[in-house]
Amino acid sequence: MHRAHLTVRGRVQGVGFRWHVVREAGALGVHGWVRNCPDGSVEAEGEGGRATLEQWIESVRRGPPAAHVTEVETSWSEGSPRHRGFDVRD
């Protein structure tokens, strides 16, 4: 199982960004979570096949129409599944 941990910067809070991430993850079958961070960034983690996660990351880079993504920092790992479904965390 591949895992991608993302930190997304730009205009990504207050623009429906987390719901965009959830919707795209659901469409691709990615499991994980997303949350807003106090510094204005958004953090997310997704699990799935490498090619699927790369598609998901590309959709995160695009964001919803009101967002403006300036950076997506990605770290990769592998291991046993940690998540079922895709959640919005506080």
PDB file of N, CA and C in Angstrom:
ATOM      1  N   MET A   1       0.851  -1.177   0.000  1.00  0.00           N
ATOM      2  CA  MET A   1       0.000   0.000   0.000  1.00  0.00           C
ATOM      3  C   MET A   1       0.889   1.230   0.000  1.00  0.00           C
ATOM      4  N   HIS A   2       0.647   2.133  -0.959  1.00  0.00           N
ATOM      5  CA  HIS A   2       1.389   3.396  -1.027  1.00  0.00           C
ATOM      6  C   HIS A   2       0.633   4.453  -0.224  1.00  0.00           C
ATOM      7  N   ARG A   3       1.384   5.380   0.339  1.00  0.00           N
ATOM      8  CA  ARG A   3       0.803   6.456   1.133  1.00  0.00           C
ATOM      9  C   ARG A   3       1.479   7.761   0.734  1.00  0.00           C
ATOM     10  N   ALA A   4       0.677   8.797   0.554  1.00  0.00           N
ATOM     11  CA  ALA A   4       1.200  10.127   0.247  1.00  0.00           C
ATOM     12  C   ALA A   4       0.696  11.101   1.304  1.00  0.00           C
ATOM     13  N   HIS A   5       1.623  11.815   1.914  1.00  0.00           N
ATOM     14  CA  HIS A   5       1.286  12.849   2.890  1.00  0.00           C
ATOM     15  C   HIS A   5       1.546  14.200   2.227  1.00  0.00           C
ATOM     16  N   LEU A   6       0.513  15.060   2.224  1.00  0.00           N
ATOM     17  CA  LEU A   6       0.587  16.334   1.508  1.00  0.00           C
ATOM     18  C   LEU A   6       0.453  17.515   2.456  1.00  0.00           C
ATOM     19  N   THR A   7       1.211  18.554   2.179  1.00  0.00           N
ATOM     20  CA  THR A   7       0.989  19.865   2.775  1.00  0.00           C
ATOM     21  C   THR A   7       0.775  20.811   1.602  1.00  0.00           C
ATOM     22  N   VAL A   8      -0.401  21.449   1.584  1.00  0.00           N
ATOM     23  CA  VAL A   8      -0.810  22.282   0.451  1.00  0.00           C
ATOM     24  C   VAL A   8      -0.849  23.734   0.912  1.00  0.00           C
ATOM     25  N   ARG A   9      -0.170  24.598   0.175  1.00  0.00           N
ATOM     26  CA  ARG A   9      -0.119  26.023   0.531  1.00  0.00           C
ATOM     27  C   ARG A   9      -0.709  26.870  -0.591  1.00  0.00           C
ATOM     28  N   GLY A  10      -1.139  28.048  -0.207  1.00  0.00           N
ATOM     29  CA  GLY A  10      -1.763  28.986  -1.132  1.00  0.00           C
ATOM     30  C   GLY A  10      -3.077  29.454  -0.532  1.00  0.00           C
ATOM     31  N   ARG A  11      -4.016  29.842  -1.395  1.00  0.00           N
ATOM     32  CA  ARG A  11      -5.361  30.195  -0.923  1.00  0.00           C
ATOM     33  C   ARG A  11      -6.162  28.892  -0.904  1.00  0.00           C
ATOM     34  N   VAL A  12      -6.080  28.172   0.234  1.00  0.00           N
ATOM     35  CA  VAL A  12      -6.667  26.831   0.311  1.00  0.00           C
ATOM     36  C   VAL A  12      -7.612  26.655   1.498  1.00  0.00           C
ATOM     37  N   GLN A  13      -7.853  27.721   2.252  1.00  0.00           N
ATOM     38  CA  GLN A  13      -8.839  27.637   3.320  1.00  0.00           C
ATOM     39  C   GLN A  13      -9.968  28.613   3.032  1.00  0.00           C
ATOM     40  N   GLY A  14     -11.202  28.200   3.355  1.00  0.00           N
ATOM     41  CA  GLY A  14     -12.367  29.052   3.131  1.00  0.00           C
ATOM     42  C   GLY A  14     -12.830  29.069   1.685  1.00  0.00           C
ATOM     43  N   VAL A  15     -12.375  28.106   0.883  1.00  0.00           N
ATOM     44  CA  VAL A  15     -12.730  28.080  -0.540  1.00  0.00           C
ATOM     45  C   VAL A  15     -13.272  26.707  -0.973  1.00  0.00           C
ATOM     46  N   GLY A  16     -13.650  25.856  -0.001  1.00  0.00           N
ATOM     47  CA  GLY A  16     -14.156  24.523  -0.329  1.00  0.00           C
ATOM     48  C   GLY A  16     -13.067  23.526  -0.680  1.00  0.00           C
ATOM     49  N   PHE A  17     -11.842  23.825  -0.274  1.00  0.00           N
ATOM     50  CA  PHE A  17     -10.718  22.986  -0.665  1.00  0.00           C
ATOM     51  C   PHE A  17     -10.786  21.590  -0.065  1.00  0.00           C
ATOM     52  N   ARG A  18     -11.082  21.482   1.235  1.00  0.00           N
ATOM     53  CA  ARG A  18     -11.153  20.154   1.862  1.00  0.00           C
ATOM     54  C   ARG A  18     -12.208  19.286   1.199  1.00  0.00           C
ATOM     55  N   TRP A  19     -13.343  19.871   0.856  1.00  0.00           N
ATOM     56  CA  TRP A  19     -14.414  19.089   0.227  1.00  0.00           C
ATOM     57  C   TRP A  19     -14.019  18.665  -1.178  1.00  0.00           C
ATOM     58  N   HIS A  20     -13.251  19.481  -1.850  1.00  0.00           N
ATOM     59  CA  HIS A  20     -12.703  19.097  -3.159  1.00  0.00           C
ATOM     60  C   HIS A  20     -11.796  17.871  -3.005  1.00  0.00           C
ATOM     61  N   VAL A  21     -10.926  17.895  -2.003  1.00  0.00           N
ATOM     62  CA  VAL A  21     -10.013  16.774  -1.751  1.00  0.00           C
ATOM     63  C   VAL A  21     -10.803  15.506  -1.446  1.00  0.00           C
ATOM     64  N   VAL A  22     -11.831  15.617  -0.620  1.00  0.00           N
ATOM     65  CA  VAL A  22     -12.680  14.465  -0.279  1.00  0.00           C
ATOM     66  C   VAL A  22     -13.380  13.920  -1.521  1.00  0.00           C
ATOM     67  N   ARG A  23     -13.961  14.799  -2.315  1.00  0.00           N
ATOM     68  CA  ARG A  23     -14.690  14.385  -3.526  1.00  0.00           C
ATOM     69  C   ARG A  23     -13.759  13.665  -4.500  1.00  0.00           C
ATOM     70  N   GLU A  24     -12.589  14.211  -4.738  1.00  0.00           N
ATOM     71  CA  GLU A  24     -11.632  13.596  -5.657  1.00  0.00           C
ATOM     72  C   GLU A  24     -11.140  12.254  -5.119  1.00  0.00           C
ATOM     73  N   ALA A  25     -10.901  12.181  -3.808  1.00  0.00           N
ATOM     74  CA  ALA A  25     -10.476  10.911  -3.206  1.00  0.00           C
ATOM     75  C   ALA A  25     -11.555   9.852  -3.383  1.00  0.00           C
ATOM     76  N   GLY A  26     -12.808  10.232  -3.161  1.00  0.00           N
ATOM     77  CA  GLY A  26     -13.906   9.282  -3.329  1.00  0.00           C
ATOM     78  C   GLY A  26     -14.035   8.791  -4.753  1.00  0.00           C
ATOM     79  N   ALA A  27     -13.857   9.683  -5.705  1.00  0.00           N
ATOM     80  CA  ALA A  27     -13.962   9.308  -7.118  1.00  0.00           C
ATOM     81  C   ALA A  27     -12.857   8.333  -7.528  1.00  0.00           C
ATOM     82  N   LEU A  28     -11.701   8.438  -6.878  1.00  0.00           N
ATOM     83  CA  LEU A  28     -10.557   7.598  -7.243  1.00  0.00           C
ATOM     84  C   LEU A  28     -10.374   6.382  -6.336  1.00  0.00           C
ATOM     85  N   GLY A  29     -11.126   6.322  -5.236  1.00  0.00           N
ATOM     86  CA  GLY A  29     -10.977   5.212  -4.301  1.00  0.00           C
ATOM     87  C   GLY A  29      -9.800   5.361  -3.354  1.00  0.00           C
ATOM     88  N   VAL A  30      -9.377   6.603  -3.119  1.00  0.00           N
ATOM     89  CA  VAL A  30      -8.286   6.876  -2.180  1.00  0.00           C
ATOM     90  C   VAL A  30      -8.870   6.965  -0.773  1.00  0.00           C
ATOM     91  N   HIS A  31      -8.197   6.353   0.202  1.00  0.00           N
ATOM     92  CA  HIS A  31      -8.619   6.429   1.601  1.00  0.00           C
ATOM     93  C   HIS A  31      -7.652   7.320   2.348  1.00  0.00           C
ATOM     94  N   GLY A  32      -8.153   8.037   3.381  1.00  0.00           N
ATOM     95  CA  GLY A  32      -7.279   8.890   4.167  1.00  0.00           C
ATOM     96  C   GLY A  32      -8.027   9.982   4.875  1.00  0.00           C
ATOM     97  N   TRP A  33      -7.412  11.169   4.946  1.00  0.00           N
ATOM     98  CA  TRP A  33      -7.995  12.299   5.664  1.00  0.00           C
ATOM     99  C   TRP A  33      -7.432  13.623   5.131  1.00  0.00           C
ATOM    100  N   VAL A  34      -8.121  14.714   5.514  1.00  0.00           N
ATOM    101  CA  VAL A  34      -7.700  16.071   5.168  1.00  0.00           C
ATOM    102  C   VAL A  34      -8.073  16.987   6.328  1.00  0.00           C
ATOM    103  N   ARG A  35      -7.261  18.031   6.570  1.00  0.00           N
ATOM    104  CA  ARG A  35      -7.574  18.997   7.621  1.00  0.00           C
ATOM    105  C   ARG A  35      -6.925  20.344   7.327  1.00  0.00           C
ATOM    106  N   ASN A  36      -7.551  21.401   7.874  1.00  0.00           N
ATOM    107  CA  ASN A  36      -6.954  22.731   7.846  1.00  0.00           C
ATOM    108  C   ASN A  36      -5.901  22.819   8.936  1.00  0.00           C
ATOM    109  N   CYS A  37      -4.847  23.559   8.685  1.00  0.00           N
ATOM    110  CA  CYS A  37      -3.791  23.782   9.669  1.00  0.00           C
ATOM    111  C   CYS A  37      -3.821  25.237  10.126  1.00  0.00           C
ATOM    112  N   PRO A  38      -3.362  25.504  11.353  1.00  0.00           N
ATOM    113  CA  PRO A  38      -3.388  26.877  11.877  1.00  0.00           C
ATOM    114  C   PRO A  38      -2.601  27.880  11.037  1.00  0.00           C
ATOM    115  N   ASP A  39      -1.596  27.434  10.290  1.00  0.00           N
ATOM    116  CA  ASP A  39      -0.785  28.361   9.492  1.00  0.00           C
ATOM    117  C   ASP A  39      -1.423  28.713   8.145  1.00  0.00           C
ATOM    118  N   GLY A  40      -2.654  28.228   7.886  1.00  0.00           N
ATOM    119  CA  GLY A  40      -3.353  28.541   6.638  1.00  0.00           C
ATOM    120  C   GLY A  40      -3.179  27.499   5.552  1.00  0.00           C
ATOM    121  N   SER A  41      -2.348  26.504   5.797  1.00  0.00           N
ATOM    122  CA  SER A  41      -2.178  25.418   4.826  1.00  0.00           C
ATOM    123  C   SER A  41      -3.234  24.342   5.061  1.00  0.00           C
ATOM    124  N   VAL A  42      -3.248  23.360   4.182  1.00  0.00           N
ATOM    125  CA  VAL A  42      -4.099  22.184   4.321  1.00  0.00           C
ATOM    126  C   VAL A  42      -3.187  20.965   4.290  1.00  0.00           C
ATOM    127  N   GLU A  43      -3.443  20.025   5.189  1.00  0.00           N
ATOM    128  CA  GLU A  43      -2.673  18.788   5.267  1.00  0.00           C
ATOM    129  C   GLU A  43      -3.592  17.636   4.892  1.00  0.00           C
ATOM    130  N   ALA A  44      -3.073  16.660   4.170  1.00  0.00           N
ATOM    131  CA  ALA A  44      -3.858  15.504   3.769  1.00  0.00           C
ATOM    132  C   ALA A  44      -2.973  14.272   3.687  1.00  0.00           C
ATOM    133  N   GLU A  45      -3.603  13.117   3.868  1.00  0.00           N
ATOM    134  CA  GLU A  45      -2.905  11.860   3.682  1.00  0.00           C
ATOM    135  C   GLU A  45      -3.821  10.932   2.899  1.00  0.00           C
ATOM    136  N   GLY A  46      -3.259  10.284   1.899  1.00  0.00           N
ATOM    137  CA  GLY A  46      -4.029   9.356   1.083  1.00  0.00           C
ATOM    138  C   GLY A  46      -3.303   8.045   0.918  1.00  0.00           C
ATOM    139  N   GLU A  47      -4.077   6.970   0.817  1.00  0.00           N
ATOM    140  CA  GLU A  47      -3.532   5.627   0.599  1.00  0.00           C
ATOM    141  C   GLU A  47      -4.166   5.011  -0.631  1.00  0.00           C
ATOM    142  N   GLY A  48      -3.374   4.240  -1.360  1.00  0.00           N
ATOM    143  CA  GLY A  48      -3.875   3.550  -2.544  1.00  0.00           C
ATOM    144  C   GLY A  48      -2.721   3.131  -3.433  1.00  0.00           C
ATOM    145  N   GLY A  49      -3.033   2.808  -4.666  1.00  0.00           N
ATOM    146  CA  GLY A  49      -1.995   2.494  -5.639  1.00  0.00           C
ATOM    147  C   GLY A  49      -1.235   3.750  -6.029  1.00  0.00           C
ATOM    148  N   ARG A  50       0.005   3.578  -6.418  1.00  0.00           N
ATOM    149  CA  ARG A  50       0.858   4.734  -6.745  1.00  0.00           C
ATOM    150  C   ARG A  50       0.249   5.590  -7.859  1.00  0.00           C
ATOM    151  N   ALA A  51      -0.198   4.975  -8.940  1.00  0.00           N
ATOM    152  CA  ALA A  51      -0.765   5.739 -10.058  1.00  0.00           C
ATOM    153  C   ALA A  51      -2.033   6.475  -9.629  1.00  0.00           C
ATOM    154  N   THR A  52      -2.850   5.832  -8.805  1.00  0.00           N
ATOM    155  CA  THR A  52      -4.080   6.463  -8.315  1.00  0.00           C
ATOM    156  C   THR A  52      -3.745   7.661  -7.438  1.00  0.00           C
ATOM    157  N   LEU A  53      -2.775   7.501  -6.556  1.00  0.00           N
ATOM    158  CA  LEU A  53      -2.376   8.616  -5.697  1.00  0.00           C
ATOM    159  C   LEU A  53      -1.800   9.767  -6.515  1.00  0.00           C
ATOM    160  N   GLU A  54      -1.063   9.462  -7.563  1.00  0.00           N
ATOM    161  CA  GLU A  54      -0.543  10.530  -8.413  1.00  0.00           C
ATOM    162  C   GLU A  54      -1.685  11.307  -9.078  1.00  0.00           C
ATOM    163  N   GLN A  55      -2.743  10.610  -9.493  1.00  0.00           N
ATOM    164  CA  GLN A  55      -3.922  11.296 -10.049  1.00  0.00           C
ATOM    165  C   GLN A  55      -4.571  12.178  -8.990  1.00  0.00           C
ATOM    166  N   TRP A  56      -4.700  11.653  -7.782  1.00  0.00           N
ATOM    167  CA  TRP A  56      -5.306  12.396  -6.681  1.00  0.00           C
ATOM    168  C   TRP A  56      -4.488  13.659  -6.382  1.00  0.00           C
ATOM    169  N   ILE A  57      -3.169  13.509  -6.319  1.00  0.00           N
ATOM    170  CA  ILE A  57      -2.301  14.660  -6.049  1.00  0.00           C
ATOM    171  C   ILE A  57      -2.453  15.719  -7.145  1.00  0.00           C
ATOM    172  N   GLU A  58      -2.567  15.298  -8.385  1.00  0.00           N
ATOM    173  CA  GLU A  58      -2.765  16.250  -9.475  1.00  0.00           C
ATOM    174  C   GLU A  58      -4.078  17.010  -9.313  1.00  0.00           C
ATOM    175  N   SER A  59      -5.131  16.324  -8.871  1.00  0.00           N
ATOM    176  CA  SER A  59      -6.418  16.998  -8.639  1.00  0.00           C
ATOM    177  C   SER A  59      -6.308  17.959  -7.456  1.00  0.00           C
ATOM    178  N   VAL A  60      -5.510  17.615  -6.451  1.00  0.00           N
ATOM    179  CA  VAL A  60      -5.275  18.514  -5.324  1.00  0.00           C
ATOM    180  C   VAL A  60      -4.533  19.762  -5.817  1.00  0.00           C
ATOM    181  N   ARG A  61      -3.557  19.596  -6.688  1.00  0.00           N
ATOM    182  CA  ARG A  61      -2.822  20.740  -7.260  1.00  0.00           C
ATOM    183  C   ARG A  61      -3.767  21.712  -7.980  1.00  0.00           C
ATOM    184  N   ARG A  62      -4.738  21.167  -8.688  1.00  0.00           N
ATOM    185  CA  ARG A  62      -5.702  22.019  -9.404  1.00  0.00           C
ATOM    186  C   ARG A  62      -6.634  22.726  -8.430  1.00  0.00           C
ATOM    187  N   GLY A  63      -7.095  22.018  -7.403  1.00  0.00           N
ATOM    188  CA  GLY A  63      -8.011  22.583  -6.415  1.00  0.00           C
ATOM    189  C   GLY A  63      -9.341  22.960  -7.014  1.00  0.00           C
ATOM    190  N   PRO A  64     -10.266  23.442  -6.179  1.00  0.00           N
ATOM    191  CA  PRO A  64     -11.550  23.942  -6.669  1.00  0.00           C
ATOM    192  C   PRO A  64     -11.350  25.322  -7.306  1.00  0.00           C
ATOM    193  N   PRO A  65     -12.351  25.833  -8.009  1.00  0.00           N
ATOM    194  CA  PRO A  65     -12.196  27.098  -8.737  1.00  0.00           C
ATOM    195  C   PRO A  65     -11.744  28.296  -7.896  1.00  0.00           C
ATOM    196  N   ALA A  66     -12.204  28.410  -6.653  1.00  0.00           N
ATOM    197  CA  ALA A  66     -11.865  29.580  -5.830  1.00  0.00           C
ATOM    198  C   ALA A  66     -10.489  29.482  -5.178  1.00  0.00           C
ATOM    199  N   ALA A  67      -9.855  28.334  -5.252  1.00  0.00           N
ATOM    200  CA  ALA A  67      -8.541  28.138  -4.618  1.00  0.00           C
ATOM    201  C   ALA A  67      -7.418  28.586  -5.543  1.00  0.00           C
ATOM    202  N   HIS A  68      -6.274  28.827  -4.931  1.00  0.00           N
ATOM    203  CA  HIS A  68      -5.047  29.095  -5.688  1.00  0.00           C
ATOM    204  C   HIS A  68      -3.913  28.362  -4.975  1.00  0.00           C
ATOM    205  N   VAL A  69      -3.526  27.210  -5.494  1.00  0.00           N
ATOM    206  CA  VAL A  69      -2.478  26.394  -4.888  1.00  0.00           C
ATOM    207  C   VAL A  69      -1.122  26.900  -5.379  1.00  0.00           C
ATOM    208  N   THR A  70      -0.240  27.213  -4.425  1.00  0.00           N
ATOM    209  CA  THR A  70       1.105  27.658  -4.779  1.00  0.00           C
ATOM    210  C   THR A  70       2.155  26.577  -4.561  1.00  0.00           C
ATOM    211  N   GLU A  71       1.851  25.605  -3.687  1.00  0.00           N
ATOM    212  CA  GLU A  71       2.832  24.557  -3.400  1.00  0.00           C
ATOM    213  C   GLU A  71       2.124  23.322  -2.854  1.00  0.00           C
ATOM    214  N   VAL A  72       2.565  22.142  -3.294  1.00  0.00           N
ATOM    215  CA  VAL A  72       2.134  20.871  -2.717  1.00  0.00           C
ATOM    216  C   VAL A  72       3.402  20.111  -2.346  1.00  0.00           C
ATOM    217  N   GLU A  73       3.667  20.047  -1.062  1.00  0.00           N
ATOM    218  CA  GLU A  73       4.813  19.293  -0.548  1.00  0.00           C
ATOM    219  C   GLU A  73       4.332  17.857  -0.322  1.00  0.00           C
ATOM    220  N   THR A  74       5.012  16.892  -0.916  1.00  0.00           N
ATOM    221  CA  THR A  74       4.584  15.500  -0.869  1.00  0.00           C
ATOM    222  C   THR A  74       5.672  14.617  -0.299  1.00  0.00           C
ATOM    223  N   SER A  75       5.295  13.770   0.646  1.00  0.00           N
ATOM    224  CA  SER A  75       6.221  12.740   1.123  1.00  0.00           C
ATOM    225  C   SER A  75       5.547  11.384   0.951  1.00  0.00           C
ATOM    226  N   TRP A  76       6.311  10.419   0.458  1.00  0.00           N
ATOM    227  CA  TRP A  76       5.814   9.090   0.134  1.00  0.00           C
ATOM    228  C   TRP A  76       6.287   8.075   1.164  1.00  0.00           C
ATOM    229  N   SER A  77       5.422   7.082   1.423  1.00  0.00           N
ATOM    230  CA  SER A  77       5.808   5.944   2.249  1.00  0.00           C
ATOM    231  C   SER A  77       4.966   4.745   1.825  1.00  0.00           C
ATOM    232  N   GLU A  78       5.277   3.605   2.387  1.00  0.00           N
ATOM    233  CA  GLU A  78       4.519   2.382   2.118  1.00  0.00           C
ATOM    234  C   GLU A  78       4.264   1.679   3.439  1.00  0.00           C
ATOM    235  N   GLY A  79       3.241   0.846   3.455  1.00  0.00           N
ATOM    236  CA  GLY A  79       2.950   0.078   4.658  1.00  0.00           C
ATOM    237  C   GLY A  79       1.549  -0.472   4.629  1.00  0.00           C
ATOM    238  N   SER A  80       1.169  -1.057   5.735  1.00  0.00           N
ATOM    239  CA  SER A  80      -0.183  -1.608   5.870  1.00  0.00           C
ATOM    240  C   SER A  80      -1.198  -0.469   5.860  1.00  0.00           C
ATOM    241  N   PRO A  81      -2.412  -0.732   5.368  1.00  0.00           N
ATOM    242  CA  PRO A  81      -3.451   0.307   5.356  1.00  0.00           C
ATOM    243  C   PRO A  81      -3.747   0.830   6.759  1.00  0.00           C
ATOM    244  N   ARG A  82      -3.937   2.130   6.859  1.00  0.00           N
ATOM    245  CA  ARG A  82      -4.284   2.792   8.128  1.00  0.00           C
ATOM    246  C   ARG A  82      -5.708   3.335   8.119  1.00  0.00           C
ATOM    247  N   HIS A  83      -6.293   3.517   6.929  1.00  0.00           N
ATOM    248  CA  HIS A  83      -7.552   4.262   6.826  1.00  0.00           C
ATOM    249  C   HIS A  83      -8.636   3.459   6.118  1.00  0.00           C
ATOM    250  N   ARG A  84      -9.860   3.758   6.509  1.00  0.00           N
ATOM    251  CA  ARG A  84     -11.051   3.256   5.809  1.00  0.00           C
ATOM    252  C   ARG A  84     -11.871   4.489   5.451  1.00  0.00           C
ATOM    253  N   GLY A  85     -12.167   4.663   4.191  1.00  0.00           N
ATOM    254  CA  GLY A  85     -12.895   5.852   3.780  1.00  0.00           C
ATOM    255  C   GLY A  85     -11.986   7.066   3.748  1.00  0.00           C
ATOM    256  N   PHE A  86     -12.610   8.253   3.681  1.00  0.00           N
ATOM    257  CA  PHE A  86     -11.847   9.496   3.643  1.00  0.00           C
ATOM    258  C   PHE A  86     -12.560  10.504   4.517  1.00  0.00           C
ATOM    259  N   ASP A  87     -11.863  11.032   5.531  1.00  0.00           N
ATOM    260  CA  ASP A  87     -12.471  11.898   6.539  1.00  0.00           C
ATOM    261  C   ASP A  87     -11.913  13.306   6.510  1.00  0.00           C
ATOM    262  N   VAL A  88     -12.742  14.248   6.951  1.00  0.00           N
ATOM    263  CA  VAL A  88     -12.301  15.614   7.236  1.00  0.00           C
ATOM    264  C   VAL A  88     -12.021  15.664   8.717  1.00  0.00           C
ATOM    265  N   ARG A  89     -10.816  16.048   9.093  1.00  0.00           N
ATOM    266  CA  ARG A  89     -10.429  16.151  10.488  1.00  0.00           C
ATOM    267  C   ARG A  89     -10.392  17.616  10.913  1.00  0.00           C
ATOM    268  N   ASP A  90     -10.595  17.831  12.197  1.00  0.00           N
ATOM    269  CA  ASP A  90     -10.490  19.191  12.757  1.00  0.00           C
ATOM    270  C   ASP A  90      -9.066  19.515  13.111  1.00  0.00           C
TER     271      ASP A  90
END
